PDB file of N, CA and C in Angstrom:
ATOM      1  N   MET A   1       0.081  11.894  -8.252  1.00  0.00           N
ATOM      2  CA  MET A   1      -0.288  10.457  -9.585  1.00  0.00           C
ATOM      3  C   MET A   1      -1.291   9.237  -9.246  1.00  0.00           C
ATOM      4  N   LEU A   2      -1.635   9.054  -7.660  1.00  0.00           N
ATOM      5  CA  LEU A   2      -2.772   8.496  -6.927  1.00  0.00           C
ATOM      6  C   LEU A   2      -3.975   8.850  -7.783  1.00  0.00           C
ATOM      7  N   LYS A   3      -4.101   9.975  -7.554  1.00  0.00           N
ATOM      8  CA  LYS A   3      -5.195  10.836  -8.261  1.00  0.00           C
ATOM      9  C   LYS A   3      -5.178  10.700  -9.498  1.00  0.00           C
ATOM     10  N   GLU A   4      -4.880  10.595 -10.427  1.00  0.00           N
ATOM     11  CA  GLU A   4      -5.042  11.179 -11.507  1.00  0.00           C
ATOM     12  C   GLU A   4      -5.581   8.964 -12.136  1.00  0.00           C
ATOM     13  N   ALA A   5      -4.281   8.400 -11.337  1.00  0.00           N
ATOM     14  CA  ALA A   5      -4.705   7.567 -11.717  1.00  0.00           C
ATOM     15  C   ALA A   5      -6.102   6.736 -11.281  1.00  0.00           C
ATOM     16  N   ILE A   6      -6.674   7.239 -10.779  1.00  0.00           N
ATOM     17  CA  ILE A   6      -8.478   7.128  -9.963  1.00  0.00           C
ATOM     18  C   ILE A   6      -9.288   7.947 -11.304  1.00  0.00           C
ATOM     19  N   GLU A   7      -8.528   9.270 -10.802  1.00  0.00           N
ATOM     20  CA  GLU A   7      -9.420   9.531 -11.780  1.00  0.00           C
ATOM     21  C   GLU A   7      -9.865  10.010 -13.586  1.00  0.00           C
ATOM     22  N   THR A   8      -9.082   8.478 -13.862  1.00  0.00           N
ATOM     23  CA  THR A   8      -8.370   8.206 -15.236  1.00  0.00           C
ATOM     24  C   THR A   8      -8.353   6.385 -15.354  1.00  0.00           C
ATOM     25  N   SER A   9      -9.230   5.737 -15.011  1.00  0.00           N
ATOM     26  CA  SER A   9      -9.220   4.611 -14.241  1.00  0.00           C
ATOM     27  C   SER A   9     -10.120   4.247 -15.932  1.00  0.00           C
ATOM     28  N   ASP A  10     -11.607   4.434 -15.531  1.00  0.00           N
ATOM     29  CA  ASP A  10     -12.141   4.443 -16.244  1.00  0.00           C
ATOM     30  C   ASP A  10     -11.847   4.441 -18.072  1.00  0.00           C
ATOM     31  N   GLU A  11     -11.075   4.955 -17.911  1.00  0.00           N
ATOM     32  CA  GLU A  11     -10.385   5.511 -19.777  1.00  0.00           C
ATOM     33  C   GLU A  11      -9.112   4.256 -19.984  1.00  0.00           C
ATOM     34  N   ASN A  12      -8.424   3.948 -18.608  1.00  0.00           N
ATOM     35  CA  ASN A  12      -7.866   2.717 -19.048  1.00  0.00           C
ATOM     36  C   ASN A  12      -7.768   1.520 -18.340  1.00  0.00           C
ATOM     37  N   PRO A  13      -7.768   0.395 -19.125  1.00  0.00           N
ATOM     38  CA  PRO A  13      -8.604  -0.764 -18.466  1.00  0.00           C
ATOM     39  C   PRO A  13      -6.829  -1.158 -17.931  1.00  0.00           C
ATOM     40  N   LEU A  14      -6.292  -1.439 -18.651  1.00  0.00           N
ATOM     41  CA  LEU A  14      -4.688  -2.034 -18.382  1.00  0.00           C
ATOM     42  C   LEU A  14      -4.183  -1.669 -17.088  1.00  0.00           C
ATOM     43  N   ASN A  15      -4.489   0.191 -16.880  1.00  0.00           N
ATOM     44  CA  ASN A  15      -3.829   0.570 -15.285  1.00  0.00           C
ATOM     45  C   ASN A  15      -4.718  -0.170 -13.606  1.00  0.00           C
ATOM     46  N   ASP A  16      -3.237  -0.823 -13.072  1.00  0.00           N
ATOM     47  CA  ASP A  16      -3.399  -1.362 -12.628  1.00  0.00           C
ATOM     48  C   ASP A  16      -3.594  -0.431 -10.779  1.00  0.00           C
ATOM     49  N   ILE A  17      -4.925  -0.287 -10.056  1.00  0.00           N
ATOM     50  CA  ILE A  17      -5.044   0.455  -9.464  1.00  0.00           C
ATOM     51  C   ILE A  17      -4.321   0.099  -8.437  1.00  0.00           C
ATOM     52  N   GLU A  18      -3.973  -1.047  -7.993  1.00  0.00           N
ATOM     53  CA  GLU A  18      -3.155  -0.931  -6.580  1.00  0.00           C
ATOM     54  C   GLU A  18      -1.843  -1.561  -6.756  1.00  0.00           C
ATOM     55  N   THR A  19      -1.101  -1.154  -7.430  1.00  0.00           N
ATOM     56  CA  THR A  19       0.003  -0.923  -8.119  1.00  0.00           C
ATOM     57  C   THR A  19       0.521   0.955  -7.355  1.00  0.00           C
ATOM     58  N   ASP A  20      -0.949   1.028  -8.096  1.00  0.00           N
ATOM     59  CA  ASP A  20      -0.322   3.147  -7.939  1.00  0.00           C
ATOM     60  C   ASP A  20      -0.801   3.372  -6.379  1.00  0.00           C
ATOM     61  N   PHE A  21      -1.446   2.516  -5.714  1.00  0.00           N
ATOM     62  CA  PHE A  21      -1.918   2.951  -4.633  1.00  0.00           C
ATOM     63  C   PHE A  21      -0.397   2.325  -3.803  1.00  0.00           C
ATOM     64  N   ILE A  22       0.112   1.223  -4.072  1.00  0.00           N
ATOM     65  CA  ILE A  22       1.325   1.448  -3.399  1.00  0.00           C
ATOM     66  C   ILE A  22       2.510   1.466  -3.847  1.00  0.00           C
ATOM     67  N   ASN A  23       2.834   2.244  -5.388  1.00  0.00           N
ATOM     68  CA  ASN A  23       3.699   2.792  -5.850  1.00  0.00           C
ATOM     69  C   ASN A  23       3.407   4.236  -4.685  1.00  0.00           C
ATOM     70  N   HIS A  24       2.349   4.582  -4.339  1.00  0.00           N
ATOM     71  CA  HIS A  24       2.229   6.269  -4.017  1.00  0.00           C
ATOM     72  C   HIS A  24       2.659   6.178  -2.932  1.00  0.00           C
ATOM     73  N   ALA A  25       2.304   5.256  -1.770  1.00  0.00           N
ATOM     74  CA  ALA A  25       2.654   5.247  -0.232  1.00  0.00           C
ATOM     75  C   ALA A  25       4.393   4.857  -0.114  1.00  0.00           C
ATOM     76  N   ILE A  26       4.655   4.462  -0.826  1.00  0.00           N
ATOM     77  CA  ILE A  26       6.195   4.455  -1.221  1.00  0.00           C
ATOM     78  C   ILE A  26       6.404   5.433  -0.911  1.00  0.00           C
ATOM     79  N   GLU A  27       6.082   6.026  -2.213  1.00  0.00           N
ATOM     80  CA  GLU A  27       6.892   7.654  -2.621  1.00  0.00           C
ATOM     81  C   GLU A  27       6.955   8.530  -1.810  1.00  0.00           C
ATOM     82  N   LYS A  28       5.509   8.388  -0.921  1.00  0.00           N
ATOM     83  CA  LYS A  28       5.447   9.203  -0.055  1.00  0.00           C
ATOM     84  C   LYS A  28       5.794   9.045   1.615  1.00  0.00           C
ATOM     85  N   SER A  29       5.606   7.692   1.235  1.00  0.00           N
ATOM     86  CA  SER A  29       6.130   7.240   2.914  1.00  0.00           C
ATOM     87  C   SER A  29       5.202   7.275   3.605  1.00  0.00           C
ATOM     88  N   LYS A  30       3.956   6.894   2.730  1.00  0.00           N
ATOM     89  CA  LYS A  30       2.013   6.694   4.154  1.00  0.00           C
ATOM     90  C   LYS A  30       2.569   5.613   5.107  1.00  0.00           C
ATOM     91  N   ALA A  31       2.417   6.251   6.337  1.00  0.00           N
ATOM     92  CA  ALA A  31       2.085   5.175   8.086  1.00  0.00           C
ATOM     93  C   ALA A  31       0.736   4.676   7.448  1.00  0.00           C
ATOM     94  N   LEU A  32       0.997   3.464   7.131  1.00  0.00           N
ATOM     95  CA  LEU A  32      -0.240   1.837   7.111  1.00  0.00           C
ATOM     96  C   LEU A  32      -0.891   0.619   7.994  1.00  0.00           C
ATOM     97  N   THR A  33      -1.519   1.023   8.032  1.00  0.00           N
ATOM     98  CA  THR A  33      -2.466  -0.353   8.755  1.00  0.00           C
ATOM     99  C   THR A  33      -2.487  -0.935   7.786  1.00  0.00           C
ATOM    100  N   VAL A  34      -1.699  -2.316   7.795  1.00  0.00           N
ATOM    101  CA  VAL A  34      -2.463  -3.721   6.899  1.00  0.00           C
ATOM    102  C   VAL A  34      -3.201  -5.003   7.569  1.00  0.00           C
ATOM    103  N   PHE A  35      -4.337  -4.823   7.527  1.00  0.00           N
ATOM    104  CA  PHE A  35      -4.610  -6.143   7.992  1.00  0.00           C
ATOM    105  C   PHE A  35      -4.860  -7.768   7.259  1.00  0.00           C
ATOM    106  N   LEU A  36      -3.538  -8.639   7.933  1.00  0.00           N
ATOM    107  CA  LEU A  36      -3.732  -9.459   7.301  1.00  0.00           C
ATOM    108  C   LEU A  36      -4.762 -10.783   7.284  1.00  0.00           C
ATOM    109  N   VAL A  37      -4.989 -11.870   6.141  1.00  0.00           N
ATOM    110  CA  VAL A  37      -6.480 -12.511   6.547  1.00  0.00           C
ATOM    111  C   VAL A  37      -6.615 -13.806   7.968  1.00  0.00           C
ATOM    112  N   ASN A  38      -5.245 -13.448   8.490  1.00  0.00           N
ATOM    113  CA  ASN A  38      -5.756 -14.026   9.890  1.00  0.00           C
ATOM    114  C   ASN A  38      -6.041 -13.500  11.422  1.00  0.00           C
ATOM    115  N   GLY A  39      -6.715 -11.731  10.267  1.00  0.00           N
ATOM    116  CA  GLY A  39      -7.230 -11.009  11.574  1.00  0.00           C
ATOM    117  C   GLY A  39      -5.715 -10.144  12.053  1.00  0.00           C
ATOM    118  N   ILE A  40      -4.536  -9.961  12.093  1.00  0.00           N
ATOM    119  CA  ILE A  40      -3.119  -9.720  12.097  1.00  0.00           C
ATOM    120  C   ILE A  40      -3.301  -8.603  11.812  1.00  0.00           C
ATOM    121  N   LYS A  41      -3.250  -7.071  12.834  1.00  0.00           N
ATOM    122  CA  LYS A  41      -2.726  -5.623  12.262  1.00  0.00           C
ATOM    123  C   LYS A  41      -1.491  -5.490  12.161  1.00  0.00           C
ATOM    124  N   LEU A  42      -0.724  -4.958  11.430  1.00  0.00           N
ATOM    125  CA  LEU A  42       0.285  -4.355  11.367  1.00  0.00           C
ATOM    126  C   LEU A  42       0.029  -3.259  10.867  1.00  0.00           C
ATOM    127  N   GLU A  43       1.497  -1.948  11.479  1.00  0.00           N
ATOM    128  CA  GLU A  43       1.076  -0.906  10.695  1.00  0.00           C
ATOM    129  C   GLU A  43       2.744  -0.180  10.794  1.00  0.00           C
ATOM    130  N   GLY A  44       3.051   0.223  10.075  1.00  0.00           N
ATOM    131  CA  GLY A  44       4.024   0.912   9.166  1.00  0.00           C
ATOM    132  C   GLY A  44       4.071   1.384   8.302  1.00  0.00           C
ATOM    133  N   SER A  45       5.402   1.554   7.562  1.00  0.00           N
ATOM    134  CA  SER A  45       5.552   2.183   6.005  1.00  0.00           C
ATOM    135  C   SER A  45       6.150   1.054   4.743  1.00  0.00           C
ATOM    136  N   ILE A  46       5.087   0.741   3.715  1.00  0.00           N
ATOM    137  CA  ILE A  46       5.979   0.014   2.292  1.00  0.00           C
ATOM    138  C   ILE A  46       7.462   0.610   1.897  1.00  0.00           C
ATOM    139  N   ILE A  47       8.174   0.043   2.165  1.00  0.00           N
ATOM    140  CA  ILE A  47       9.559   0.535   1.484  1.00  0.00           C
ATOM    141  C   ILE A  47       9.922  -0.275   0.453  1.00  0.00           C
ATOM    142  N   ALA A  48       9.373  -1.448  -0.059  1.00  0.00           N
ATOM    143  CA  ALA A  48       9.752  -2.184  -0.834  1.00  0.00           C
ATOM    144  C   ALA A  48       8.493  -2.671  -1.630  1.00  0.00           C
ATOM    145  N   MET A  49       8.631  -3.160  -2.849  1.00  0.00           N
ATOM    146  CA  MET A  49       7.387  -3.765  -3.218  1.00  0.00           C
ATOM    147  C   MET A  49       8.233  -5.129  -3.925  1.00  0.00           C
ATOM    148  N   GLY A  50       7.968  -6.114  -3.793  1.00  0.00           N
ATOM    149  CA  GLY A  50       8.460  -7.605  -5.162  1.00  0.00           C
ATOM    150  C   GLY A  50       7.131  -7.790  -5.903  1.00  0.00           C
ATOM    151  N   LYS A  51       7.384  -9.135  -6.539  1.00  0.00           N
ATOM    152  CA  LYS A  51       6.313  -9.701  -7.428  1.00  0.00           C
ATOM    153  C   LYS A  51       5.617 -10.696  -5.764  1.00  0.00           C
ATOM    154  N   ASN A  52       5.488 -11.229  -4.819  1.00  0.00           N
ATOM    155  CA  ASN A  52       4.966 -11.763  -3.882  1.00  0.00           C
ATOM    156  C   ASN A  52       4.864 -11.056  -2.696  1.00  0.00           C
ATOM    157  N   SER A  53       5.763 -10.007  -2.345  1.00  0.00           N
ATOM    158  CA  SER A  53       5.898  -9.568  -0.966  1.00  0.00           C
ATOM    159  C   SER A  53       6.137  -8.081  -0.966  1.00  0.00           C
ATOM    160  N   PHE A  54       5.221  -7.513   0.417  1.00  0.00           N
ATOM    161  CA  PHE A  54       6.416  -5.971   0.638  1.00  0.00           C
ATOM    162  C   PHE A  54       7.417  -6.146   1.947  1.00  0.00           C
ATOM    163  N   LEU A  55       8.291  -5.085   1.702  1.00  0.00           N
ATOM    164  CA  LEU A  55       8.908  -5.152   2.996  1.00  0.00           C
ATOM    165  C   LEU A  55       8.133  -3.551   3.779  1.00  0.00           C
ATOM    166  N   LEU A  56       7.595  -3.832   5.065  1.00  0.00           N
ATOM    167  CA  LEU A  56       7.427  -2.620   5.844  1.00  0.00           C
ATOM    168  C   LEU A  56       7.832  -2.598   7.002  1.00  0.00           C
ATOM    169  N   LYS A  57       8.224  -0.864   7.341  1.00  0.00           N
ATOM    170  CA  LYS A  57       9.083  -1.163   7.905  1.00  0.00           C
ATOM    171  C   LYS A  57       8.336  -0.350   9.231  1.00  0.00           C
ATOM    172  N   ARG A  58       8.851  -0.403   9.907  1.00  0.00           N
ATOM    173  CA  ARG A  58       8.060  -0.227  11.644  1.00  0.00           C
ATOM    174  C   ARG A  58       8.741   0.379  12.349  1.00  0.00           C
ATOM    175  N   ASP A  59       9.708   1.141  12.913  1.00  0.00           N
ATOM    176  CA  ASP A  59      10.734   1.925  13.795  1.00  0.00           C
ATOM    177  C   ASP A  59      12.204   1.955  13.852  1.00  0.00           C
ATOM    178  N   ASP A  60      12.513   0.719  13.792  1.00  0.00           N
ATOM    179  CA  ASP A  60      13.988  -0.048  12.953  1.00  0.00           C
ATOM    180  C   ASP A  60      13.847  -1.626  13.032  1.00  0.00           C
ATOM    181  N   ASN A  61      12.642  -2.071  12.637  1.00  0.00           N
ATOM    182  CA  ASN A  61      11.981  -3.114  12.341  1.00  0.00           C
ATOM    183  C   ASN A  61      11.493  -3.337  10.965  1.00  0.00           C
ATOM    184  N   ILE A  62      11.999  -4.626  10.451  1.00  0.00           N
ATOM    185  CA  ILE A  62      11.621  -4.943   9.056  1.00  0.00           C
ATOM    186  C   ILE A  62      11.139  -5.809   8.578  1.00  0.00           C
ATOM    187  N   GLN A  63       9.787  -5.747   8.547  1.00  0.00           N
ATOM    188  CA  GLN A  63       9.172  -7.890   8.228  1.00  0.00           C
ATOM    189  C   GLN A  63       8.930  -8.103   6.555  1.00  0.00           C
ATOM    190  N   LEU A  64       9.265  -8.792   6.483  1.00  0.00           N
ATOM    191  CA  LEU A  64       8.471  -9.391   4.721  1.00  0.00           C
ATOM    192  C   LEU A  64       7.348  -9.823   5.753  1.00  0.00           C
ATOM    193  N   VAL A  65       6.726  -9.332   4.258  1.00  0.00           N
ATOM    194  CA  VAL A  65       4.964  -9.658   4.334  1.00  0.00           C
ATOM    195  C   VAL A  65       4.408  -9.822   3.137  1.00  0.00           C
ATOM    196  N   TYR A  66       4.316 -11.146   2.675  1.00  0.00           N
ATOM    197  CA  TYR A  66       3.009 -11.790   2.325  1.00  0.00           C
ATOM    198  C   TYR A  66       2.423 -10.870   1.166  1.00  0.00           C
ATOM    199  N   LYS A  67       1.901 -10.957  -0.622  1.00  0.00           N
ATOM    200  CA  LYS A  67       1.302 -10.365  -0.577  1.00  0.00           C
ATOM    201  C   LYS A  67      -0.041 -11.009  -0.685  1.00  0.00           C
ATOM    202  N   HIS A  68      -0.065 -12.241  -0.505  1.00  0.00           N
ATOM    203  CA  HIS A  68      -1.442 -13.432  -0.563  1.00  0.00           C
ATOM    204  C   HIS A  68      -2.016 -13.508   0.920  1.00  0.00           C
ATOM    205  N   SER A  69      -1.419 -12.694   2.030  1.00  0.00           N
ATOM    206  CA  SER A  69      -1.196 -13.273   3.739  1.00  0.00           C
ATOM    207  C   SER A  69      -2.646 -11.460   3.944  1.00  0.00           C
ATOM    208  N   ILE A  70      -2.546 -10.918   2.614  1.00  0.00           N
ATOM    209  CA  ILE A  70      -2.784  -9.317   3.129  1.00  0.00           C
ATOM    210  C   ILE A  70      -4.725  -9.494   2.721  1.00  0.00           C
ATOM    211  N   SER A  71      -4.864  -8.723   3.221  1.00  0.00           N
ATOM    212  CA  SER A  71      -6.675  -9.081   3.706  1.00  0.00           C
ATOM    213  C   SER A  71      -6.951  -7.101   3.008  1.00  0.00           C
ATOM    214  N   THR A  72      -6.275  -6.616   3.209  1.00  0.00           N
ATOM    215  CA  THR A  72      -6.755  -4.656   3.509  1.00  0.00           C
ATOM    216  C   THR A  72      -5.573  -4.063   3.820  1.00  0.00           C
ATOM    217  N   ILE A  73      -5.806  -2.604   2.877  1.00  0.00           N
ATOM    218  CA  ILE A  73      -4.038  -2.374   3.686  1.00  0.00           C
ATOM    219  C   ILE A  73      -4.988  -0.545   3.396  1.00  0.00           C
ATOM    220  N   LEU A  74      -4.286   0.328   4.860  1.00  0.00           N
ATOM    221  CA  LEU A  74      -5.385   1.533   5.100  1.00  0.00           C
ATOM    222  C   LEU A  74      -4.928   2.345   5.564  1.00  0.00           C
ATOM    223  N   PRO A  75      -4.913   3.766   4.581  1.00  0.00           N
ATOM    224  CA  PRO A  75      -3.740   4.516   5.612  1.00  0.00           C
ATOM    225  C   PRO A  75      -4.352   4.489   6.555  1.00  0.00           C
ATOM    226  N   LEU A  76      -2.840   5.588   7.497  1.00  0.00           N
ATOM    227  CA  LEU A  76      -3.259   6.024   8.875  1.00  0.00           C
ATOM    228  C   LEU A  76      -4.088   6.992   8.600  1.00  0.00           C
ATOM    229  N   ASP A  77      -3.530   8.246   8.184  1.00  0.00           N
ATOM    230  CA  ASP A  77      -4.680   9.427   7.489  1.00  0.00           C
ATOM    231  C   ASP A  77      -5.008   9.207   6.537  1.00  0.00           C
ATOM    232  N   SER A  78      -5.715   8.754   6.337  1.00  0.00           N
ATOM    233  CA  SER A  78      -6.442   8.924   4.663  1.00  0.00           C
ATOM    234  C   SER A  78      -7.345  10.187   4.210  1.00  0.00           C
ATOM    235  N   SER A  79      -7.474  11.496   5.261  1.00  0.00           N
ATOM    236  CA  SER A  79      -7.732  12.185   4.520  1.00  0.00           C
ATOM    237  C   SER A  79      -6.812  13.433   3.662  1.00  0.00           C
ATOM    238  N   ASN A  80      -5.285  12.965   3.844  1.00  0.00           N
ATOM    239  CA  ASN A  80      -4.848  13.261   2.865  1.00  0.00           C
ATOM    240  C   ASN A  80      -3.775  12.162   2.018  1.00  0.00           C
ATOM    241  N   PHE A  81      -4.231  11.028   1.172  1.00  0.00           N
ATOM    242  CA  PHE A  81      -3.542  10.420   1.389  1.00  0.00           C
ATOM    243  C   PHE A  81      -3.267  10.422  -0.141  1.00  0.00           C
ATOM    244  N   ILE A  82      -4.359  10.568  -1.074  1.00  0.00           N
ATOM    245  CA  ILE A  82      -4.417  11.167  -2.232  1.00  0.00           C
ATOM    246  C   ILE A  82      -4.222  12.553  -2.256  1.00  0.00           C
ATOM    247  N   ASP A  83      -3.036  12.932  -3.567  1.00  0.00           N
ATOM    248  CA  ASP A  83      -2.461  14.043  -3.615  1.00  0.00           C
ATOM    249  C   ASP A  83      -3.292  14.752  -4.202  1.00  0.00           C
TER     250      ASP A  83
END
């Protein structure tokens, strides 16, 4: 799904690559590193996405992370992130 979105992003200007990236991470339970704008590093898997926030799970803890506080999202293993 994500690979198709990347390959067709020029064809469909309404395609939202951010949403595709996050949906792919949720569907595949991908481990991510999330950097906040204040420099704090969070690790875990996004388990849900709302209009303004994400639920990030690591071990038995769940954090609500507001989208406006996020600077960068990186897959822990980017070599096989895109199927």
